[in-house]
Each structure stands twice: as C-alpha cells, then as structure tokens.
C-alpha cells in the first residue's frame, strides 16, 4: 500500500500534502521531533521521534519502501529513500530520481564547501513561491497516482 511520508519539521507544504493524500485515499505520516500539531484527519498519523540530529530522517529511511512517496528537502535522506525504492519529492516540486540524485548531491556538497570557504556567501536561495507550491501539488499528484497504480518510475 502506498504511503506518503513527510519530513515535517521544516515542511512548508504539509497542508497541501494532506489534502492531496486525502483525495487519493493514501495514508500520510508526518515525521518530526515534535512541535507539530496532530491532524484530526484519520489518514494522517503523526510520528514523533526522539530529539537528536537526523532522527526523523533515520526513521523515514528505515521505514519507507517501494511504492511510497517521501517529501523532504534533505537531499541525503532523499537518496536513501530512492535506494529503498520510494519516490522522493522536494517541497518546491522538484522530483528526485535515481537519474538526478547524484548531481543534486554533488551540487549540495559544492555549495556547502563554497559557503564554508567564503563567510560572505551565506543564506539560502530564493524564497518559496506560489509557483513552487503549484509545481509541488502537480508533481505530488502525479507521483501518488503512479505509486498507487504500481507503474514503474520514470
């Protein structure tokens, strides 16, 4: 059965993901260290992991499997989920696949090196936009349909 995992601590699209999961009848697991208000929706389960670095990531990576969809902005977590057979999606609607995850990981590492070498190169990229939210909804809908049908990725 397809499940939707949300790396929930810093996820800006929890409400949108819940509406989409409900429309598809897919169970949604909000995984966090706490501080997330539980949803009254019977399809939404809040999973609270112990405090500590990457505890939510570890839980998601150990639990997800083929046919699941994972929403996360954490690129190493996405790579582990892809290796487990799950689909992965960033909050901005960018689908992460076995074909592009290597390049995304390399870019992430390069940017981290550049930021550590230059104290003036700090801060994030552009702000989260309506276009990002729209793209996220479109790609999530497509990934859930594909996962529920059992169709191969790609």
N, C-alpha and C. Protein backbone atom coordinates (compact mmCIF):
# COMPACT_ATOMS: atom_id res chain seq x y z
N UNK A 1 0.83 -1.18 0.00
CA UNK A 1 0.00 0.00 0.00
C UNK A 1 0.88 1.25 0.00
N UNK A 2 0.56 2.18 -0.82
CA UNK A 2 1.29 3.43 -0.92
C UNK A 2 1.07 4.28 0.33
N UNK A 3 2.17 4.87 0.82
CA UNK A 3 2.11 5.80 1.94
C UNK A 3 2.85 7.06 1.54
N UNK A 4 2.45 8.18 2.13
CA UNK A 4 3.10 9.46 1.90
C UNK A 4 3.82 9.86 3.19
N UNK A 5 5.15 9.95 3.13
CA UNK A 5 5.96 10.36 4.26
C UNK A 5 6.30 11.83 4.11
N UNK A 6 6.16 12.59 5.19
CA UNK A 6 6.51 14.00 5.19
C UNK A 6 7.59 14.22 6.24
N UNK A 7 8.75 14.70 5.81
CA UNK A 7 9.81 15.14 6.71
C UNK A 7 9.31 16.50 7.22
N UNK A 8 8.61 16.48 8.36
CA UNK A 8 7.69 17.56 8.70
C UNK A 8 8.28 18.75 9.44
N UNK A 9 9.46 18.65 10.00
CA UNK A 9 9.96 19.74 10.85
C UNK A 9 10.00 21.09 10.14
N UNK A 10 10.41 21.15 8.91
CA UNK A 10 10.51 22.44 8.21
C UNK A 10 9.75 22.39 6.88
N UNK A 11 8.70 21.62 6.82
CA UNK A 11 7.97 21.44 5.57
C UNK A 11 6.92 22.54 5.38
N UNK A 12 7.04 23.34 4.32
CA UNK A 12 6.07 24.42 4.10
C UNK A 12 4.79 23.96 3.38
N UNK A 13 4.69 22.68 3.03
CA UNK A 13 3.54 22.22 2.24
C UNK A 13 2.79 21.07 2.91
N UNK A 14 2.78 21.05 4.25
CA UNK A 14 2.08 19.96 4.95
C UNK A 14 0.58 19.96 4.64
N UNK A 15 -0.04 21.11 4.68
CA UNK A 15 -1.49 21.19 4.45
C UNK A 15 -1.83 20.74 3.03
N UNK A 16 -1.04 21.17 2.06
CA UNK A 16 -1.28 20.79 0.67
C UNK A 16 -1.09 19.29 0.48
N UNK A 17 -0.06 18.74 1.12
CA UNK A 17 0.19 17.30 1.03
C UNK A 17 -0.97 16.52 1.66
N UNK A 18 -1.49 17.02 2.79
CA UNK A 18 -2.60 16.34 3.44
C UNK A 18 -3.84 16.32 2.54
N UNK A 19 -4.15 17.44 1.92
CA UNK A 19 -5.31 17.48 1.01
C UNK A 19 -5.13 16.51 -0.15
N UNK A 20 -3.94 16.46 -0.70
CA UNK A 20 -3.68 15.57 -1.84
C UNK A 20 -3.75 14.11 -1.41
N UNK A 21 -3.15 13.77 -0.27
CA UNK A 21 -3.18 12.40 0.24
C UNK A 21 -4.63 11.98 0.52
N UNK A 22 -5.41 12.87 1.09
CA UNK A 22 -6.81 12.57 1.39
C UNK A 22 -7.60 12.31 0.11
N UNK A 23 -7.37 13.14 -0.89
CA UNK A 23 -8.06 12.95 -2.17
C UNK A 23 -7.73 11.59 -2.78
N UNK A 24 -6.50 11.13 -2.60
CA UNK A 24 -6.08 9.85 -3.15
C UNK A 24 -6.35 8.68 -2.20
N UNK A 25 -6.77 8.97 -0.98
CA UNK A 25 -7.02 7.90 0.00
C UNK A 25 -5.73 7.23 0.46
N UNK A 26 -4.64 7.99 0.52
CA UNK A 26 -3.32 7.46 0.87
C UNK A 26 -2.98 7.88 2.31
N UNK A 27 -2.54 6.93 3.14
CA UNK A 27 -2.11 7.30 4.48
C UNK A 27 -0.90 8.23 4.43
N UNK A 28 -0.90 9.24 5.31
CA UNK A 28 0.20 10.20 5.36
C UNK A 28 0.83 10.14 6.74
N UNK A 29 2.15 10.07 6.78
CA UNK A 29 2.89 10.03 8.04
C UNK A 29 3.72 11.29 8.16
N UNK A 30 3.38 12.12 9.16
CA UNK A 30 4.11 13.35 9.46
C UNK A 30 5.19 13.00 10.49
N UNK A 31 6.45 13.01 10.08
CA UNK A 31 7.53 12.57 10.96
C UNK A 31 8.31 13.79 11.43
N UNK A 32 8.41 13.93 12.77
CA UNK A 32 9.10 15.10 13.33
C UNK A 32 9.60 14.80 14.73
N UNK A 33 10.37 15.76 15.27
CA UNK A 33 10.84 15.66 16.64
C UNK A 33 9.81 16.20 17.63
N UNK A 34 8.69 16.67 17.14
CA UNK A 34 7.66 17.24 18.00
C UNK A 34 7.34 18.65 17.56
N UNK A 35 6.39 19.25 18.23
CA UNK A 35 6.03 20.62 17.90
C UNK A 35 5.09 20.73 16.72
N UNK A 36 4.66 19.62 16.18
CA UNK A 36 3.72 19.60 15.06
C UNK A 36 2.36 19.20 15.62
N UNK A 37 1.37 20.02 15.35
CA UNK A 37 0.02 19.73 15.84
C UNK A 37 -0.55 18.52 15.09
N UNK A 38 -1.01 17.49 15.80
CA UNK A 38 -1.60 16.32 15.13
C UNK A 38 -2.85 16.72 14.35
N UNK A 39 -3.06 16.08 13.25
CA UNK A 39 -4.23 16.34 12.42
C UNK A 39 -5.40 15.47 12.86
N UNK A 40 -6.62 15.99 12.79
CA UNK A 40 -7.79 15.15 13.11
C UNK A 40 -8.12 14.19 11.96
N UNK A 41 -7.48 14.35 10.82
CA UNK A 41 -7.73 13.51 9.65
C UNK A 41 -7.32 12.07 9.97
N UNK A 42 -8.23 11.10 9.79
CA UNK A 42 -7.89 9.70 10.11
C UNK A 42 -6.80 9.11 9.21
N UNK A 43 -6.53 9.73 8.07
CA UNK A 43 -5.48 9.23 7.19
C UNK A 43 -4.10 9.77 7.57
N UNK A 44 -4.05 10.73 8.50
CA UNK A 44 -2.79 11.36 8.86
C UNK A 44 -2.34 10.86 10.23
N UNK A 45 -1.13 10.33 10.27
CA UNK A 45 -0.56 9.86 11.52
C UNK A 45 0.68 10.69 11.83
N UNK A 46 0.76 11.20 13.06
CA UNK A 46 1.93 11.95 13.50
C UNK A 46 2.89 10.98 14.16
N UNK A 47 4.13 10.97 13.66
CA UNK A 47 5.18 10.12 14.23
C UNK A 47 6.18 11.07 14.89
N UNK A 48 6.35 10.93 16.19
CA UNK A 48 7.29 11.76 16.92
C UNK A 48 8.51 10.90 17.27
N UNK A 49 9.66 11.30 16.77
CA UNK A 49 10.90 10.59 17.01
C UNK A 49 11.68 11.29 18.13
N UNK A 50 12.65 10.62 18.73
CA UNK A 50 13.43 11.27 19.80
C UNK A 50 14.19 12.49 19.27
N UNK A 51 14.47 13.42 20.17
CA UNK A 51 15.29 14.57 19.80
C UNK A 51 16.67 14.07 19.41
N UNK A 52 17.28 14.77 18.51
CA UNK A 52 18.62 14.42 18.08
C UNK A 52 18.78 14.66 16.61
N UNK A 53 20.01 14.80 16.17
CA UNK A 53 20.25 15.09 14.76
C UNK A 53 19.80 13.94 13.87
N UNK A 54 19.02 14.27 12.89
CA UNK A 54 18.61 13.33 11.83
C UNK A 54 17.77 12.14 12.31
N UNK A 55 17.15 12.24 13.47
CA UNK A 55 16.33 11.12 13.95
C UNK A 55 15.12 10.90 13.04
N UNK A 56 14.48 11.98 12.62
CA UNK A 56 13.34 11.83 11.69
C UNK A 56 13.81 11.23 10.38
N UNK A 57 14.95 11.68 9.89
CA UNK A 57 15.50 11.15 8.64
C UNK A 57 15.78 9.65 8.75
N UNK A 58 16.38 9.26 9.86
CA UNK A 58 16.69 7.84 10.08
C UNK A 58 15.41 7.01 10.08
N UNK A 59 14.38 7.51 10.75
CA UNK A 59 13.12 6.76 10.84
C UNK A 59 12.49 6.62 9.46
N UNK A 60 12.43 7.72 8.71
CA UNK A 60 11.83 7.67 7.37
C UNK A 60 12.60 6.71 6.48
N UNK A 61 13.93 6.83 6.46
CA UNK A 61 14.75 5.98 5.59
C UNK A 61 14.61 4.50 5.94
N UNK A 62 14.46 4.19 7.23
CA UNK A 62 14.32 2.80 7.66
C UNK A 62 12.93 2.25 7.41
N UNK A 63 11.94 3.11 7.24
CA UNK A 63 10.54 2.67 7.15
C UNK A 63 10.00 2.68 5.73
N UNK A 64 10.43 3.63 4.90
CA UNK A 64 9.85 3.74 3.56
C UNK A 64 10.30 2.56 2.70
N UNK A 65 9.50 2.28 1.69
CA UNK A 65 9.77 1.15 0.81
C UNK A 65 9.22 1.43 -0.58
N UNK A 66 9.35 0.47 -1.45
CA UNK A 66 8.85 0.60 -2.81
C UNK A 66 7.36 0.93 -2.78
N UNK A 67 6.97 1.92 -3.58
CA UNK A 67 5.58 2.33 -3.66
C UNK A 67 5.24 3.51 -2.77
N UNK A 68 6.15 3.89 -1.88
CA UNK A 68 5.93 5.05 -1.02
C UNK A 68 6.43 6.31 -1.70
N UNK A 69 5.95 7.46 -1.22
CA UNK A 69 6.40 8.76 -1.69
C UNK A 69 6.88 9.54 -0.47
N UNK A 70 8.07 10.15 -0.58
CA UNK A 70 8.67 10.90 0.53
C UNK A 70 8.84 12.35 0.12
N UNK A 71 8.35 13.26 0.96
CA UNK A 71 8.52 14.70 0.73
C UNK A 71 9.57 15.20 1.71
N UNK A 72 10.68 15.69 1.18
CA UNK A 72 11.77 16.18 2.03
C UNK A 72 12.63 17.18 1.28
N UNK A 73 13.22 18.08 2.03
CA UNK A 73 14.21 18.98 1.47
C UNK A 73 15.62 18.51 1.75
N UNK A 74 15.74 17.37 2.44
CA UNK A 74 17.03 16.81 2.83
C UNK A 74 17.51 15.87 1.73
N UNK A 75 18.53 16.28 1.00
CA UNK A 75 18.99 15.53 -0.16
C UNK A 75 19.57 14.16 0.22
N UNK A 76 20.42 14.05 1.27
CA UNK A 76 20.90 12.71 1.64
C UNK A 76 19.75 11.77 2.04
N UNK A 77 18.73 12.29 2.72
CA UNK A 77 17.56 11.46 3.04
C UNK A 77 16.88 11.01 1.76
N UNK A 78 16.70 11.91 0.81
CA UNK A 78 16.07 11.54 -0.46
C UNK A 78 16.85 10.43 -1.15
N UNK A 79 18.17 10.50 -1.11
CA UNK A 79 19.00 9.46 -1.73
C UNK A 79 18.77 8.11 -1.06
N UNK A 80 18.67 8.11 0.25
CA UNK A 80 18.42 6.85 0.98
C UNK A 80 17.02 6.30 0.67
N UNK A 81 16.04 7.18 0.52
CA UNK A 81 14.68 6.75 0.20
C UNK A 81 14.61 6.18 -1.22
N UNK A 82 15.30 6.83 -2.15
CA UNK A 82 15.35 6.30 -3.51
C UNK A 82 15.99 4.92 -3.53
N UNK A 83 17.04 4.73 -2.74
CA UNK A 83 17.70 3.43 -2.67
C UNK A 83 16.76 2.36 -2.11
N UNK A 84 15.82 2.78 -1.26
CA UNK A 84 14.84 1.85 -0.69
C UNK A 84 13.67 1.59 -1.64
N UNK A 85 13.64 2.29 -2.78
CA UNK A 85 12.58 2.08 -3.76
C UNK A 85 11.45 3.09 -3.72
N UNK A 86 11.51 4.05 -2.80
CA UNK A 86 10.46 5.07 -2.70
C UNK A 86 10.72 6.18 -3.71
N UNK A 87 9.69 6.95 -4.00
CA UNK A 87 9.83 8.17 -4.80
C UNK A 87 10.14 9.31 -3.84
N UNK A 88 10.86 10.32 -4.34
CA UNK A 88 11.24 11.44 -3.48
C UNK A 88 10.92 12.75 -4.18
N UNK A 89 10.45 13.71 -3.38
CA UNK A 89 10.00 14.99 -3.90
C UNK A 89 10.41 16.09 -2.94
N UNK A 90 11.01 17.16 -3.48
CA UNK A 90 11.35 18.32 -2.66
C UNK A 90 10.12 19.21 -2.52
N UNK A 91 10.13 20.10 -1.53
CA UNK A 91 9.00 20.99 -1.25
C UNK A 91 8.67 21.90 -2.42
N UNK A 92 9.65 22.18 -3.25
CA UNK A 92 9.42 23.10 -4.37
C UNK A 92 8.91 22.39 -5.62
N UNK A 93 8.64 21.09 -5.51
CA UNK A 93 8.09 20.34 -6.63
C UNK A 93 9.13 19.63 -7.48
N UNK A 94 10.39 19.72 -7.10
CA UNK A 94 11.44 19.03 -7.85
C UNK A 94 11.45 17.55 -7.48
N UNK A 95 11.21 16.70 -8.47
CA UNK A 95 11.26 15.27 -8.23
C UNK A 95 12.72 14.83 -8.24
N UNK A 96 13.09 14.05 -7.24
CA UNK A 96 14.43 13.48 -7.17
C UNK A 96 14.33 12.03 -7.63
N UNK A 97 15.20 11.66 -8.53
CA UNK A 97 15.15 10.34 -9.14
C UNK A 97 16.54 9.70 -9.08
N UNK A 98 16.63 8.39 -9.32
CA UNK A 98 17.96 7.78 -9.40
C UNK A 98 18.84 8.42 -10.47
N UNK A 99 18.22 8.98 -11.51
CA UNK A 99 18.98 9.59 -12.60
C UNK A 99 19.56 10.96 -12.22
N UNK A 100 18.91 11.69 -11.30
CA UNK A 100 19.40 13.03 -10.99
C UNK A 100 19.95 13.20 -9.57
N UNK A 101 19.81 12.20 -8.71
CA UNK A 101 20.19 12.37 -7.31
C UNK A 101 21.70 12.57 -7.15
N UNK A 102 22.51 11.93 -7.97
CA UNK A 102 23.96 12.11 -7.88
C UNK A 102 24.36 13.55 -8.13
N UNK A 103 23.80 14.16 -9.16
CA UNK A 103 24.11 15.54 -9.48
C UNK A 103 23.59 16.49 -8.39
N UNK A 104 22.42 16.21 -7.86
CA UNK A 104 21.87 17.06 -6.80
C UNK A 104 22.73 16.97 -5.53
N UNK A 105 23.17 15.76 -5.20
CA UNK A 105 24.06 15.60 -4.04
C UNK A 105 25.38 16.33 -4.26
N UNK A 106 25.94 16.21 -5.45
CA UNK A 106 27.21 16.88 -5.75
C UNK A 106 27.06 18.40 -5.68
N UNK A 107 25.96 18.92 -6.20
CA UNK A 107 25.71 20.37 -6.14
C UNK A 107 25.56 20.83 -4.70
N UNK A 108 24.86 20.05 -3.90
CA UNK A 108 24.67 20.37 -2.49
C UNK A 108 26.02 20.44 -1.78
N UNK A 109 26.86 19.44 -2.02
CA UNK A 109 28.17 19.40 -1.38
C UNK A 109 29.05 20.56 -1.83
N UNK A 110 28.99 20.88 -3.13
CA UNK A 110 29.77 22.00 -3.65
C UNK A 110 29.35 23.31 -3.00
N UNK A 111 28.05 23.54 -2.89
CA UNK A 111 27.56 24.78 -2.29
C UNK A 111 27.94 24.86 -0.81
N UNK A 112 27.92 23.73 -0.12
CA UNK A 112 28.33 23.72 1.29
C UNK A 112 29.81 24.09 1.41
N UNK A 113 30.64 23.57 0.50
CA UNK A 113 32.07 23.90 0.51
C UNK A 113 32.27 25.39 0.22
N UNK A 114 31.54 25.92 -0.76
CA UNK A 114 31.67 27.34 -1.09
C UNK A 114 31.26 28.23 0.08
N UNK A 115 30.15 27.86 0.76
CA UNK A 115 29.70 28.66 1.91
C UNK A 115 30.70 28.60 3.04
N UNK A 116 31.32 27.45 3.27
CA UNK A 116 32.28 27.35 4.37
C UNK A 116 33.58 28.10 4.06
N UNK A 117 33.91 28.24 2.77
CA UNK A 117 35.14 28.92 2.38
C UNK A 117 34.97 30.43 2.30
N UNK A 118 33.74 30.91 2.18
CA UNK A 118 33.50 32.34 2.00
C UNK A 118 32.44 32.80 2.99
N UNK A 119 32.85 33.52 4.04
CA UNK A 119 31.88 33.93 5.06
C UNK A 119 30.83 34.89 4.54
N UNK A 120 31.05 35.49 3.36
CA UNK A 120 30.07 36.41 2.80
C UNK A 120 29.04 35.70 1.93
N UNK A 121 29.25 34.43 1.66
CA UNK A 121 28.33 33.65 0.82
C UNK A 121 27.44 32.82 1.74
N UNK A 122 26.61 33.47 2.50
CA UNK A 122 25.73 32.79 3.44
C UNK A 122 24.29 33.00 3.00
N UNK A 123 23.41 32.28 3.63
CA UNK A 123 21.99 32.44 3.33
C UNK A 123 21.54 31.45 2.29
N UNK A 124 20.25 31.40 2.12
CA UNK A 124 19.67 30.45 1.19
C UNK A 124 19.47 31.04 -0.19
N UNK A 125 18.73 30.33 -0.99
CA UNK A 125 18.43 30.78 -2.34
C UNK A 125 17.20 31.67 -2.31
N UNK A 126 16.43 31.54 -3.35
CA UNK A 126 15.24 32.38 -3.47
C UNK A 126 14.14 31.90 -2.52
N UNK A 127 13.19 32.76 -2.28
CA UNK A 127 12.09 32.44 -1.36
C UNK A 127 11.13 31.43 -2.00
N UNK A 128 10.44 30.69 -1.15
CA UNK A 128 9.42 29.75 -1.58
C UNK A 128 8.26 30.53 -2.20
N UNK A 129 7.83 30.16 -3.40
CA UNK A 129 6.84 30.95 -4.13
C UNK A 129 5.55 30.18 -4.40
N UNK A 130 4.56 30.91 -4.91
CA UNK A 130 3.31 30.28 -5.32
C UNK A 130 3.56 29.28 -6.44
N UNK A 131 4.49 29.60 -7.32
CA UNK A 131 4.83 28.69 -8.42
C UNK A 131 5.42 27.38 -7.86
N UNK A 132 6.25 27.48 -6.81
CA UNK A 132 6.80 26.28 -6.18
C UNK A 132 5.68 25.43 -5.60
N UNK A 133 4.74 26.08 -4.93
CA UNK A 133 3.61 25.36 -4.31
C UNK A 133 2.77 24.66 -5.38
N UNK A 134 2.51 25.35 -6.47
CA UNK A 134 1.73 24.78 -7.57
C UNK A 134 2.45 23.60 -8.20
N UNK A 135 3.76 23.75 -8.44
CA UNK A 135 4.56 22.67 -9.02
C UNK A 135 4.57 21.47 -8.07
N UNK A 136 4.71 21.74 -6.75
CA UNK A 136 4.68 20.66 -5.76
C UNK A 136 3.38 19.87 -5.86
N UNK A 137 2.25 20.57 -5.89
CA UNK A 137 0.96 19.89 -5.95
C UNK A 137 0.83 19.03 -7.22
N UNK A 138 1.28 19.56 -8.33
CA UNK A 138 1.20 18.83 -9.60
C UNK A 138 2.05 17.56 -9.55
N UNK A 139 3.30 17.69 -9.10
CA UNK A 139 4.20 16.54 -9.08
C UNK A 139 3.76 15.53 -8.02
N UNK A 140 3.32 15.98 -6.86
CA UNK A 140 2.85 15.06 -5.83
C UNK A 140 1.66 14.26 -6.34
N UNK A 141 0.73 14.92 -6.98
CA UNK A 141 -0.43 14.23 -7.53
C UNK A 141 0.01 13.14 -8.52
N UNK A 142 0.94 13.49 -9.40
CA UNK A 142 1.43 12.53 -10.39
C UNK A 142 2.15 11.35 -9.72
N UNK A 143 3.00 11.64 -8.72
CA UNK A 143 3.74 10.58 -8.04
C UNK A 143 2.80 9.64 -7.28
N UNK A 144 1.78 10.19 -6.63
CA UNK A 144 0.83 9.34 -5.91
C UNK A 144 0.02 8.47 -6.87
N UNK A 145 -0.41 9.04 -7.99
CA UNK A 145 -1.13 8.23 -8.98
C UNK A 145 -0.25 7.10 -9.49
N UNK A 146 1.00 7.42 -9.80
CA UNK A 146 1.93 6.41 -10.32
C UNK A 146 2.20 5.33 -9.26
N UNK A 147 2.42 5.74 -8.02
CA UNK A 147 2.69 4.78 -6.94
C UNK A 147 1.49 3.87 -6.70
N UNK A 148 0.30 4.43 -6.68
CA UNK A 148 -0.90 3.62 -6.45
C UNK A 148 -1.15 2.64 -7.58
N UNK A 149 -0.78 3.01 -8.80
CA UNK A 149 -1.01 2.12 -9.94
C UNK A 149 0.05 1.04 -10.04
N UNK A 150 1.17 1.22 -9.33
CA UNK A 150 2.26 0.26 -9.41
C UNK A 150 3.11 0.43 -10.65
N UNK A 151 2.91 1.54 -11.37
CA UNK A 151 3.68 1.79 -12.59
C UNK A 151 5.14 2.03 -12.24
N UNK A 152 6.05 1.64 -13.12
CA UNK A 152 7.46 1.89 -12.86
C UNK A 152 7.79 3.38 -12.85
N UNK A 153 8.84 3.73 -12.13
CA UNK A 153 9.27 5.13 -12.04
C UNK A 153 9.86 5.58 -13.35
N UNK A 154 9.78 6.89 -13.55
CA UNK A 154 10.43 7.45 -14.73
C UNK A 154 9.50 7.92 -15.71
